[in-house]
Amino acid sequence: MCNKAIRDCYDFTEDQPLGNWSTDEVGMAPMPRLAMVENASFRRWRAVHQRGGDFLIFSNVHWEKLSAPITWFFKVP
């Protein structure tokens, strides 16, 4: 199969959740020890600390045909 590079831009301009974070852990599910971080949270932190920024990620993608589909189930709270 063909491998191609994919470019992804992270500019933190839209309203979007970035997950639940602490100083040493990141997760997608809400947990009492983690704070919900969104793009606006990151922009505020960036302004206060004069660190961080937008960035680009370039990835190589490996396409592989599966013998059977993978199914995910999510519980909605």
Protein backbone atom coordinates (compact mmCIF):
# COMPACT_ATOMS: atom_id res chain seq x y z
CA MET A 1 0.00 0.00 0.00
CA CYS A 2 1.05 3.59 -0.54
CA ASN A 3 2.51 5.68 2.30
CA LYS A 4 1.98 9.43 2.14
CA ALA A 5 2.89 12.20 4.54
CA ILE A 6 0.05 14.01 6.27
CA ARG A 7 0.37 17.57 7.57
CA ASP A 8 -1.66 18.61 10.60
CA CYS A 9 -1.70 22.15 11.98
CA TYR A 10 -2.38 22.92 15.64
CA ASP A 11 -3.19 26.61 15.94
CA PHE A 12 -5.49 26.56 19.03
CA THR A 13 -7.79 29.21 17.53
CA GLU A 14 -11.14 27.41 17.65
CA ASP A 15 -13.03 26.28 20.75
CA GLN A 16 -12.06 22.67 21.22
CA PRO A 17 -11.35 20.40 24.19
CA LEU A 18 -7.74 19.23 24.53
CA GLY A 19 -8.42 16.64 27.21
CA ASN A 20 -8.08 16.46 30.97
CA TRP A 21 -4.66 17.35 32.34
CA SER A 22 -2.61 17.52 35.52
CA THR A 23 1.08 18.33 35.90
CA ASP A 24 1.99 14.68 35.23
CA GLU A 25 -1.00 13.09 33.50
CA VAL A 26 -3.24 13.62 30.47
CA GLY A 27 -6.45 11.75 29.76
CA MET A 28 -9.61 12.06 27.72
CA ALA A 29 -12.01 10.93 30.44
CA PRO A 30 -12.83 13.40 33.25
CA MET A 31 -11.19 12.47 36.56
CA PRO A 32 -11.19 14.35 39.90
CA ARG A 33 -7.40 14.93 39.82
CA LEU A 34 -7.42 16.25 36.23
CA ALA A 35 -8.49 19.68 34.97
CA MET A 36 -10.38 20.07 31.69
CA VAL A 37 -8.17 21.94 29.22
CA GLU A 38 -9.51 23.62 26.09
CA ASN A 39 -7.89 25.76 23.41
CA ALA A 40 -8.81 28.90 25.39
CA SER A 41 -7.08 27.46 28.49
CA PHE A 42 -3.92 26.89 26.49
CA ARG A 43 -4.03 30.39 24.98
CA ARG A 44 -4.31 31.93 28.48
CA TRP A 45 -1.42 29.79 29.78
CA ARG A 46 0.66 30.73 26.71
CA ALA A 47 0.03 34.45 27.29
CA VAL A 48 0.90 34.30 31.01
CA HIS A 49 4.05 32.15 30.63
CA GLN A 50 5.25 33.47 27.25
CA ARG A 51 5.81 29.85 26.17
CA GLY A 52 4.12 27.47 23.80
CA GLY A 53 2.89 28.24 20.36
CA ASP A 54 1.26 26.86 17.27
CA PHE A 55 2.91 23.90 15.63
CA LEU A 56 2.79 21.52 12.67
CA ILE A 57 3.03 17.76 12.73
CA PHE A 58 4.06 15.74 9.69
CA SER A 59 3.20 12.06 9.89
CA ASN A 60 3.77 9.09 7.66
CA VAL A 61 0.68 6.94 7.39
CA HIS A 62 0.82 3.19 7.03
CA TRP A 63 -2.41 1.82 5.56
CA GLU A 64 -3.16 -1.80 6.30
CA LYS A 65 -6.22 -3.82 5.31
CA LEU A 66 -7.79 -5.55 8.31
CA SER A 67 -9.24 -9.02 8.13
CA ALA A 68 -12.18 -7.82 10.26
CA PRO A 69 -13.36 -4.35 11.31
CA ILE A 70 -12.48 -2.94 14.73
CA THR A 71 -15.56 -1.80 16.62
CA TRP A 72 -15.50 0.72 19.48
CA PHE A 73 -18.30 1.21 21.99
CA PHE A 74 -18.57 4.32 24.17
CA LYS A 75 -20.78 4.88 27.17
CA VAL A 76 -22.47 8.26 27.03
CA PRO A 77 -22.85 9.77 30.53
